[in-house]
Amino acid sequence: MKASKWVLMALIVLASALALSGCMNTGNNAVEQPSASVMPSASMNPGGVANPSVPGGVTGGGPATPFNWVTNAPQVETAINQISEIADSRVVVTGTTALVGVKYTAAYKGETTERIREMVAGAVREADPTIQTVAVTSTEADVNEIFAMADQIRAGTAPDTLTDKINRIVRNPTSLK
């Protein structure tokens, strides 16, 4: 009889502890961030947190630094060129749409597949999460035009002046979106 009293008492204490711990959750799970005392530089965001893996920008600690496609597109293209089937690529961006022209390696005899498109889109969105549409094409005429537009942008042409050309290629039925 004495043992069952102790078991009953232990169960009551355990139930009470569980009930009280459930009441302690206030629903406010926000964690206060300490204020940064570091002055942001070109390689830091306004919160002062550097992220060297993000070309031209950093993440966390404040509003994100907009990704500069004019200066940082070559770094994204290098990431895309790491895909085994791709020999060379160019990216041009207008608004939240990225257009990627790819040239395949001589060993790859296939076409642009959904798998390749997803890998390319992943590389683009990793660099700039604000991109909503990624169109990928390997059609020779379109790729040549994309390469020419990328060269124009690198030479100083404003990307906004090429929006109509970019959108025309994005709407082509041969571009995977």
Protein backbone atom coordinates (compact mmCIF):
# COMPACT_ATOMS: atom_id res chain seq x y z
CA MET A 1 0.00 0.00 0.00
CA LYS A 2 2.85 2.37 0.86
CA ALA A 3 4.52 1.82 -2.54
CA SER A 4 1.36 2.65 -4.44
CA LYS A 5 1.04 5.93 -2.47
CA TRP A 6 4.55 6.89 -3.58
CA VAL A 7 3.80 5.91 -7.18
CA LEU A 8 0.58 7.94 -7.07
CA MET A 9 2.42 10.91 -5.56
CA ALA A 10 5.16 10.69 -8.23
CA LEU A 11 2.54 10.60 -11.01
CA ILE A 12 0.78 13.66 -9.57
CA VAL A 13 4.07 15.58 -9.35
CA LEU A 14 4.99 14.56 -12.90
CA ALA A 15 1.57 15.57 -14.27
CA SER A 16 1.77 18.90 -12.43
CA ALA A 17 5.24 19.57 -13.82
CA LEU A 18 4.09 18.81 -17.36
CA ALA A 19 1.01 21.01 -16.97
CA LEU A 20 3.08 23.90 -15.63
CA SER A 21 5.67 23.62 -18.39
CA GLY A 22 2.86 23.82 -20.98
CA CYS A 23 1.58 27.00 -19.36
CA MET A 24 4.99 28.65 -19.54
CA ASN A 25 4.90 28.93 -23.36
CA THR A 26 3.81 32.50 -24.03
CA GLY A 27 3.68 32.05 -27.78
CA ASN A 28 6.35 34.69 -28.27
CA ASN A 29 9.30 32.78 -29.67
CA ALA A 30 11.10 35.80 -31.06
CA VAL A 31 14.75 35.98 -30.18
CA GLU A 32 16.11 39.43 -29.72
CA GLN A 33 19.15 40.09 -31.89
CA PRO A 34 22.02 42.02 -30.35
CA SER A 35 22.71 45.27 -32.10
CA ALA A 36 25.77 45.26 -34.29
CA SER A 37 28.49 47.71 -33.46
CA VAL A 38 30.37 47.03 -36.68
CA MET A 39 30.16 49.54 -39.50
CA PRO A 40 29.02 47.75 -42.66
CA SER A 41 31.47 47.68 -45.53
CA ALA A 42 31.01 46.73 -49.17
CA SER A 43 31.26 43.07 -48.21
CA MET A 44 28.76 43.32 -45.39
CA ASN A 45 25.05 43.84 -45.19
CA PRO A 46 23.48 46.60 -43.08
CA GLY A 47 23.50 44.25 -40.08
CA GLY A 48 27.26 43.88 -40.32
CA VAL A 49 27.27 40.13 -40.99
CA ALA A 50 29.68 39.14 -43.75
CA ASN A 51 28.91 36.19 -45.99
CA PRO A 52 31.75 35.54 -48.43
CA SER A 53 29.84 32.72 -50.16
CA VAL A 54 27.27 35.13 -51.57
CA PRO A 55 28.80 37.16 -54.39
CA GLY A 56 28.12 40.86 -54.05
CA GLY A 57 25.94 40.49 -51.02
CA VAL A 58 25.49 39.08 -47.60
CA THR A 59 22.67 37.55 -45.69
CA GLY A 60 21.09 37.96 -42.29
CA GLY A 61 21.11 40.78 -39.78
CA GLY A 62 19.09 43.31 -41.77
CA PRO A 63 17.67 44.07 -45.16
CA ALA A 64 19.39 42.06 -47.85
CA THR A 65 21.77 43.84 -50.16
CA PRO A 66 20.33 43.61 -53.67
CA PHE A 67 22.26 41.27 -55.91
CA ASN A 68 24.15 43.17 -58.61
CA TRP A 69 23.79 41.10 -61.77
CA VAL A 70 25.89 43.51 -63.84
CA THR A 71 29.02 42.83 -61.82
CA ASN A 72 28.31 39.39 -60.35
CA ALA A 73 26.81 37.45 -63.27
CA PRO A 74 30.22 35.89 -64.13
CA GLN A 75 30.36 34.25 -60.69
CA VAL A 76 26.92 32.71 -61.19
CA GLU A 77 27.93 31.56 -64.68
CA THR A 78 30.99 29.88 -63.18
CA ALA A 79 28.69 27.98 -60.79
CA ILE A 80 26.44 26.95 -63.70
CA ASN A 81 29.47 25.81 -65.70
CA GLN A 82 30.25 23.35 -62.90
CA ILE A 83 27.28 21.24 -64.07
CA SER A 84 28.91 18.34 -65.92
CA GLU A 85 26.93 18.74 -69.15
CA ILE A 86 27.55 22.50 -69.51
CA ALA A 87 30.68 23.93 -71.13
CA ASP A 88 29.71 27.64 -71.07
CA SER A 89 26.77 29.81 -70.05
CA ARG A 90 25.58 33.40 -69.82
CA VAL A 91 22.91 34.91 -67.59
CA VAL A 92 20.94 38.08 -68.31
CA VAL A 93 18.35 39.38 -65.89
CA THR A 94 15.40 41.73 -66.14
CA GLY A 95 13.33 42.35 -63.02
CA THR A 96 12.69 38.98 -61.39
CA THR A 97 13.34 36.97 -64.56
CA ALA A 98 16.66 35.36 -65.41
CA LEU A 99 17.43 34.08 -68.89
CA VAL A 100 20.26 31.57 -69.16
CA GLY A 101 21.87 30.47 -72.41
CA VAL A 102 23.89 27.26 -72.15
CA LYS A 103 26.39 25.59 -74.45
CA TYR A 104 26.90 21.89 -73.81
CA THR A 105 30.13 19.95 -73.71
CA ALA A 106 31.06 17.98 -76.82
CA ALA A 107 30.49 14.74 -74.89
CA TYR A 108 26.88 15.62 -74.05
CA LYS A 109 24.58 14.70 -76.92
CA GLY A 110 21.25 15.38 -75.20
CA GLU A 111 18.93 18.34 -74.98
CA THR A 112 18.03 20.67 -72.16
CA THR A 113 16.21 18.48 -69.66
CA GLU A 114 14.12 19.43 -66.66
CA ARG A 115 16.95 18.13 -64.43
CA ILE A 116 19.46 20.48 -66.07
CA ARG A 117 16.99 23.37 -65.91
CA GLU A 118 16.44 22.76 -62.19
CA MET A 119 20.19 22.69 -61.49
CA VAL A 120 20.69 25.93 -63.44
CA ALA A 121 17.71 27.56 -61.70
CA GLY A 122 19.10 26.45 -58.34
CA ALA A 123 22.44 28.15 -59.02
CA VAL A 124 20.68 31.36 -60.10
CA ARG A 125 18.30 31.44 -57.12
CA GLU A 126 21.08 30.62 -54.68
CA ALA A 127 22.82 33.80 -55.78
CA ASP A 128 19.62 35.90 -55.91
CA PRO A 129 16.54 34.54 -54.11
CA THR A 130 14.39 37.35 -55.56
CA ILE A 131 14.47 35.69 -59.00
CA GLN A 132 11.04 34.18 -59.65
CA THR A 133 11.42 32.87 -63.21
CA VAL A 134 14.47 31.15 -64.67
CA ALA A 135 14.33 30.34 -68.37
CA VAL A 136 17.03 28.08 -69.82
CA THR A 137 17.73 27.60 -73.51
CA SER A 138 20.32 25.81 -75.58
CA THR A 139 18.90 26.82 -78.97
CA GLU A 140 21.91 28.09 -80.90
CA ALA A 141 20.36 31.33 -82.20
CA ASP A 142 18.96 32.25 -78.77
CA VAL A 143 22.20 31.34 -77.01
CA ASN A 144 24.21 33.51 -79.40
CA GLU A 145 21.83 36.41 -78.73
CA ILE A 146 22.08 35.89 -74.95
CA PHE A 147 25.88 35.86 -75.15
CA ALA A 148 25.77 39.09 -77.18
CA MET A 149 23.42 40.74 -74.65
CA ALA A 150 25.66 39.68 -71.76
CA ASP A 151 28.64 41.20 -73.55
CA GLN A 152 26.69 44.44 -74.11
CA ILE A 153 25.77 44.63 -70.42
CA ARG A 154 29.39 44.05 -69.41
CA ALA A 155 30.43 46.82 -71.80
CA GLY A 156 28.09 49.28 -70.06
CA THR A 157 24.67 48.92 -71.71
CA ALA A 158 21.87 49.24 -69.16
CA PRO A 159 20.12 45.86 -68.74
CA ASP A 160 16.72 47.60 -68.81
CA THR A 161 17.25 48.53 -72.46
CA LEU A 162 17.34 44.80 -73.33
CA THR A 163 14.11 43.82 -71.54
CA ASP A 164 12.11 43.29 -74.75
CA LYS A 165 14.81 41.02 -76.25
CA ILE A 166 15.10 39.04 -73.03
CA ASN A 167 11.32 38.59 -72.70
CA ARG A 168 11.03 37.51 -76.35
CA ILE A 169 13.51 34.65 -75.78
CA VAL A 170 11.90 33.75 -72.44
CA ARG A 171 8.56 33.30 -74.24
CA ASN A 172 10.07 30.99 -76.90
CA PRO A 173 8.60 27.49 -76.68
CA THR A 174 12.16 26.06 -76.69
CA SER A 175 13.04 27.80 -73.39
CA LEU A 176 12.43 25.64 -70.34
CA LYS A 177 10.93 27.64 -67.48
